[in-house]
Amino acid sequence: MYYLSKCLELTGLCVIGSGMINNFPKLMNPKWLLVGGIVFAMGWVIEKYILK
């Protein structure tokens, strides 16, 4: 479970980072930010509340 939460957090950060890099001169697509934030938050919630 710990590794699953860390993988979800890493995936969320990678989605946000790739969205920023793909649209660099412009702002990133808000949908990618939302998806990355949700995936990161799922990993964080698993680590914070389920594992402790």
PDB file of N, CA and C in Angstrom:
ATOM      1  N   MET A   1       0.820  -1.193   0.000  1.00  0.00           N
ATOM      2  CA  MET A   1       0.000   0.000   0.000  1.00  0.00           C
ATOM      3  C   MET A   1       0.865   1.259   0.000  1.00  0.00           C
ATOM      4  N   TYR A   2       1.983   1.195   0.711  1.00  0.00           N
ATOM      5  CA  TYR A   2       2.861   2.351   0.768  1.00  0.00           C
ATOM      6  C   TYR A   2       3.408   2.683  -0.625  1.00  0.00           C
ATOM      7  N   TYR A   3       3.839   1.644  -1.339  1.00  0.00           N
ATOM      8  CA  TYR A   3       4.402   1.880  -2.668  1.00  0.00           C
ATOM      9  C   TYR A   3       3.329   2.323  -3.654  1.00  0.00           C
ATOM     10  N   LEU A   4       2.125   1.847  -3.484  1.00  0.00           N
ATOM     11  CA  LEU A   4       1.025   2.299  -4.328  1.00  0.00           C
ATOM     12  C   LEU A   4       0.772   3.788  -4.132  1.00  0.00           C
ATOM     13  N   SER A   5       0.780   4.251  -2.897  1.00  0.00           N
ATOM     14  CA  SER A   5       0.539   5.664  -2.638  1.00  0.00           C
ATOM     15  C   SER A   5       1.665   6.518  -3.202  1.00  0.00           C
ATOM     16  N   LYS A   6       2.900   6.050  -3.067  1.00  0.00           N
ATOM     17  CA  LYS A   6       4.030   6.809  -3.616  1.00  0.00           C
ATOM     18  C   LYS A   6       3.986   6.837  -5.137  1.00  0.00           C
ATOM     19  N   CYS A   7       3.572   5.728  -5.760  1.00  0.00           N
ATOM     20  CA  CYS A   7       3.453   5.697  -7.219  1.00  0.00           C
ATOM     21  C   CYS A   7       2.350   6.634  -7.705  1.00  0.00           C
ATOM     22  N   LEU A   8       1.252   6.695  -6.974  1.00  0.00           N
ATOM     23  CA  LEU A   8       0.179   7.625  -7.342  1.00  0.00           C
ATOM     24  C   LEU A   8       0.637   9.074  -7.213  1.00  0.00           C
ATOM     25  N   GLU A   9       1.372   9.386  -6.153  1.00  0.00           N
ATOM     26  CA  GLU A   9       1.882  10.743  -5.991  1.00  0.00           C
ATOM     27  C   GLU A   9       2.850  11.092  -7.118  1.00  0.00           C
ATOM     28  N   LEU A  10       3.745  10.170  -7.456  1.00  0.00           N
ATOM     29  CA  LEU A  10       4.698  10.413  -8.534  1.00  0.00           C
ATOM     30  C   LEU A  10       3.989  10.576  -9.873  1.00  0.00           C
ATOM     31  N   THR A  11       2.980   9.764 -10.125  1.00  0.00           N
ATOM     32  CA  THR A  11       2.225   9.869 -11.366  1.00  0.00           C
ATOM     33  C   THR A  11       1.513  11.217 -11.462  1.00  0.00           C
ATOM     34  N   GLY A  12       0.939  11.667 -10.367  1.00  0.00           N
ATOM     35  CA  GLY A  12       0.275  12.971 -10.369  1.00  0.00           C
ATOM     36  C   GLY A  12       1.239  14.101 -10.646  1.00  0.00           C
ATOM     37  N   LEU A  13       2.408  14.053 -10.036  1.00  0.00           N
ATOM     38  CA  LEU A  13       3.408  15.090 -10.290  1.00  0.00           C
ATOM     39  C   LEU A  13       3.931  15.032 -11.715  1.00  0.00           C
ATOM     40  N   CYS A  14       4.068  13.826 -12.265  1.00  0.00           N
ATOM     41  CA  CYS A  14       4.526  13.696 -13.652  1.00  0.00           C
ATOM     42  C   CYS A  14       3.488  14.224 -14.633  1.00  0.00           C
ATOM     43  N   VAL A  15       2.222  14.000 -14.358  1.00  0.00           N
ATOM     44  CA  VAL A  15       1.158  14.525 -15.220  1.00  0.00           C
ATOM     45  C   VAL A  15       1.181  16.046 -15.201  1.00  0.00           C
ATOM     46  N   ILE A  16       1.313  16.634 -14.030  1.00  0.00           N
ATOM     47  CA  ILE A  16       1.365  18.094 -13.931  1.00  0.00           C
ATOM     48  C   ILE A  16       2.609  18.629 -14.628  1.00  0.00           C
ATOM     49  N   GLY A  17       3.752  17.978 -14.408  1.00  0.00           N
ATOM     50  CA  GLY A  17       4.992  18.428 -15.038  1.00  0.00           C
ATOM     51  C   GLY A  17       4.966  18.316 -16.544  1.00  0.00           C
ATOM     52  N   SER A  18       4.444  17.204 -17.060  1.00  0.00           N
ATOM     53  CA  SER A  18       4.380  17.048 -18.515  1.00  0.00           C
ATOM     54  C   SER A  18       3.381  18.022 -19.132  1.00  0.00           C
ATOM     55  N   GLY A  19       2.310  18.321 -18.429  1.00  0.00           N
ATOM     56  CA  GLY A  19       1.361  19.324 -18.922  1.00  0.00           C
ATOM     57  C   GLY A  19       1.980  20.704 -18.997  1.00  0.00           C
ATOM     58  N   MET A  20       2.842  21.014 -18.043  1.00  0.00           N
ATOM     59  CA  MET A  20       3.526  22.311 -18.080  1.00  0.00           C
ATOM     60  C   MET A  20       4.545  22.358 -19.207  1.00  0.00           C
ATOM     61  N   ILE A  21       5.269  21.262 -19.418  1.00  0.00           N
ATOM     62  CA  ILE A  21       6.296  21.240 -20.455  1.00  0.00           C
ATOM     63  C   ILE A  21       5.677  21.267 -21.847  1.00  0.00           C
ATOM     64  N   ASN A  22       4.579  20.545 -22.059  1.00  0.00           N
ATOM     65  CA  ASN A  22       3.951  20.490 -23.384  1.00  0.00           C
ATOM     66  C   ASN A  22       3.405  21.839 -23.826  1.00  0.00           C
ATOM     67  N   ASN A  23       2.930  22.650 -22.925  1.00  0.00           N
ATOM     68  CA  ASN A  23       2.347  23.957 -23.274  1.00  0.00           C
ATOM     69  C   ASN A  23       3.197  25.092 -22.724  1.00  0.00           C
ATOM     70  N   PHE A  24       4.516  24.971 -22.802  1.00  0.00           N
ATOM     71  CA  PHE A  24       5.388  25.864 -22.060  1.00  0.00           C
ATOM     72  C   PHE A  24       5.141  27.356 -22.273  1.00  0.00           C
ATOM     73  N   PRO A  25       5.120  27.872 -23.482  1.00  0.00           N
ATOM     74  CA  PRO A  25       4.936  29.334 -23.552  1.00  0.00           C
ATOM     75  C   PRO A  25       3.574  29.787 -23.038  1.00  0.00           C
ATOM     76  N   LYS A  26       2.579  28.911 -23.183  1.00  0.00           N
ATOM     77  CA  LYS A  26       1.234  29.243 -22.712  1.00  0.00           C
ATOM     78  C   LYS A  26       0.996  28.581 -21.364  1.00  0.00           C
ATOM     79  N   LEU A  27      -0.151  28.871 -20.797  1.00  0.00           N
ATOM     80  CA  LEU A  27      -0.538  28.198 -19.559  1.00  0.00           C
ATOM     81  C   LEU A  27      -0.930  26.762 -19.852  1.00  0.00           C
ATOM     82  N   MET A  28      -0.786  25.900 -18.858  1.00  0.00           N
ATOM     83  CA  MET A  28      -1.141  24.499 -19.074  1.00  0.00           C
ATOM     84  C   MET A  28      -2.651  24.322 -19.076  1.00  0.00           C
ATOM     85  N   ASN A  29      -3.083  23.234 -19.658  1.00  0.00           N
ATOM     86  CA  ASN A  29      -4.499  22.914 -19.744  1.00  0.00           C
ATOM     87  C   ASN A  29      -5.031  22.624 -18.329  1.00  0.00           C
ATOM     88  N   PRO A  30      -6.091  23.289 -17.905  1.00  0.00           N
ATOM     89  CA  PRO A  30      -6.614  23.060 -16.555  1.00  0.00           C
ATOM     90  C   PRO A  30      -7.080  21.624 -16.316  1.00  0.00           C
ATOM     91  N   LYS A  31      -7.478  20.922 -17.361  1.00  0.00           N
ATOM     92  CA  LYS A  31      -7.903  19.530 -17.187  1.00  0.00           C
ATOM     93  C   LYS A  31      -6.737  18.665 -16.743  1.00  0.00           C
ATOM     94  N   TRP A  32      -5.541  18.894 -17.309  1.00  0.00           N
ATOM     95  CA  TRP A  32      -4.367  18.123 -16.894  1.00  0.00           C
ATOM     96  C   TRP A  32      -3.988  18.450 -15.462  1.00  0.00           C
ATOM     97  N   LEU A  33      -4.125  19.700 -15.084  1.00  0.00           N
ATOM     98  CA  LEU A  33      -3.847  20.092 -13.703  1.00  0.00           C
ATOM     99  C   LEU A  33      -4.821  19.410 -12.743  1.00  0.00           C
ATOM    100  N   LEU A  34      -6.073  19.358 -13.121  1.00  0.00           N
ATOM    101  CA  LEU A  34      -7.086  18.716 -12.288  1.00  0.00           C
ATOM    102  C   LEU A  34      -6.831  17.211 -12.167  1.00  0.00           C
ATOM    103  N   VAL A  35      -6.524  16.568 -13.290  1.00  0.00           N
ATOM    104  CA  VAL A  35      -6.256  15.119 -13.265  1.00  0.00           C
ATOM    105  C   VAL A  35      -5.020  14.824 -12.423  1.00  0.00           C
ATOM    106  N   GLY A  36      -3.956  15.588 -12.631  1.00  0.00           N
ATOM    107  CA  GLY A  36      -2.741  15.385 -11.848  1.00  0.00           C
ATOM    108  C   GLY A  36      -2.963  15.641 -10.369  1.00  0.00           C
ATOM    109  N   GLY A  37      -3.735  16.661 -10.051  1.00  0.00           N
ATOM    110  CA  GLY A  37      -4.032  16.963  -8.650  1.00  0.00           C
ATOM    111  C   GLY A  37      -4.855  15.883  -7.983  1.00  0.00           C
ATOM    112  N   ILE A  38      -5.808  15.322  -8.714  1.00  0.00           N
ATOM    113  CA  ILE A  38      -6.644  14.262  -8.152  1.00  0.00           C
ATOM    114  C   ILE A  38      -5.828  13.000  -7.916  1.00  0.00           C
ATOM    115  N   VAL A  39      -4.971  12.642  -8.881  1.00  0.00           N
ATOM    116  CA  VAL A  39      -4.152  11.439  -8.723  1.00  0.00           C
ATOM    117  C   VAL A  39      -3.175  11.617  -7.558  1.00  0.00           C
ATOM    118  N   PHE A  40      -2.555  12.797  -7.474  1.00  0.00           N
ATOM    119  CA  PHE A  40      -1.649  13.068  -6.360  1.00  0.00           C
ATOM    120  C   PHE A  40      -2.394  13.028  -5.029  1.00  0.00           C
ATOM    121  N   ALA A  41      -3.577  13.613  -4.989  1.00  0.00           N
ATOM    122  CA  ALA A  41      -4.360  13.634  -3.748  1.00  0.00           C
ATOM    123  C   ALA A  41      -4.782  12.232  -3.322  1.00  0.00           C
ATOM    124  N   MET A  42      -5.081  11.359  -4.282  1.00  0.00           N
ATOM    125  CA  MET A  42      -5.429   9.979  -3.931  1.00  0.00           C
ATOM    126  C   MET A  42      -4.260   9.297  -3.242  1.00  0.00           C
ATOM    127  N   GLY A  43      -3.060   9.486  -3.766  1.00  0.00           N
ATOM    128  CA  GLY A  43      -1.880   8.904  -3.143  1.00  0.00           C
ATOM    129  C   GLY A  43      -1.605   9.492  -1.778  1.00  0.00           C
ATOM    130  N   TRP A  44      -1.802  10.784  -1.650  1.00  0.00           N
ATOM    131  CA  TRP A  44      -1.551  11.451  -0.375  1.00  0.00           C
ATOM    132  C   TRP A  44      -2.547  10.986   0.691  1.00  0.00           C
ATOM    133  N   VAL A  45      -3.807  10.842   0.307  1.00  0.00           N
ATOM    134  CA  VAL A  45      -4.832  10.398   1.256  1.00  0.00           C
ATOM    135  C   VAL A  45      -4.549   8.969   1.703  1.00  0.00           C
ATOM    136  N   ILE A  46      -4.140   8.115   0.779  1.00  0.00           N
ATOM    137  CA  ILE A  46      -3.808   6.740   1.160  1.00  0.00           C
ATOM    138  C   ILE A  46      -2.663   6.737   2.168  1.00  0.00           C
ATOM    139  N   GLU A  47      -1.638   7.526   1.886  1.00  0.00           N
ATOM    140  CA  GLU A  47      -0.493   7.558   2.790  1.00  0.00           C
ATOM    141  C   GLU A  47      -0.834   8.185   4.134  1.00  0.00           C
ATOM    142  N   LYS A  48      -1.583   9.249   4.126  1.00  0.00           N
ATOM    143  CA  LYS A  48      -1.836  10.020   5.345  1.00  0.00           C
ATOM    144  C   LYS A  48      -2.845   9.340   6.271  1.00  0.00           C
ATOM    145  N   TYR A  49      -3.963   8.857   5.704  1.00  0.00           N
ATOM    146  CA  TYR A  49      -5.052   8.402   6.549  1.00  0.00           C
ATOM    147  C   TYR A  49      -5.192   6.881   6.614  1.00  0.00           C
ATOM    148  N   ILE A  50      -4.909   6.187   5.523  1.00  0.00           N
ATOM    149  CA  ILE A  50      -5.120   4.745   5.531  1.00  0.00           C
ATOM    150  C   ILE A  50      -3.920   4.015   6.155  1.00  0.00           C
ATOM    151  N   LEU A  51      -2.726   4.484   5.883  1.00  0.00           N
ATOM    152  CA  LEU A  51      -1.536   3.796   6.378  1.00  0.00           C
ATOM    153  C   LEU A  51      -1.155   4.175   7.810  1.00  0.00           C
ATOM    154  N   LYS A  52      -1.669   5.257   8.327  1.00  0.00           N
ATOM    155  CA  LYS A  52      -1.281   5.682   9.686  1.00  0.00           C
ATOM    156  C   LYS A  52      -2.293   5.237  10.700  1.00  0.00           C
TER     157      LYS A  52
END
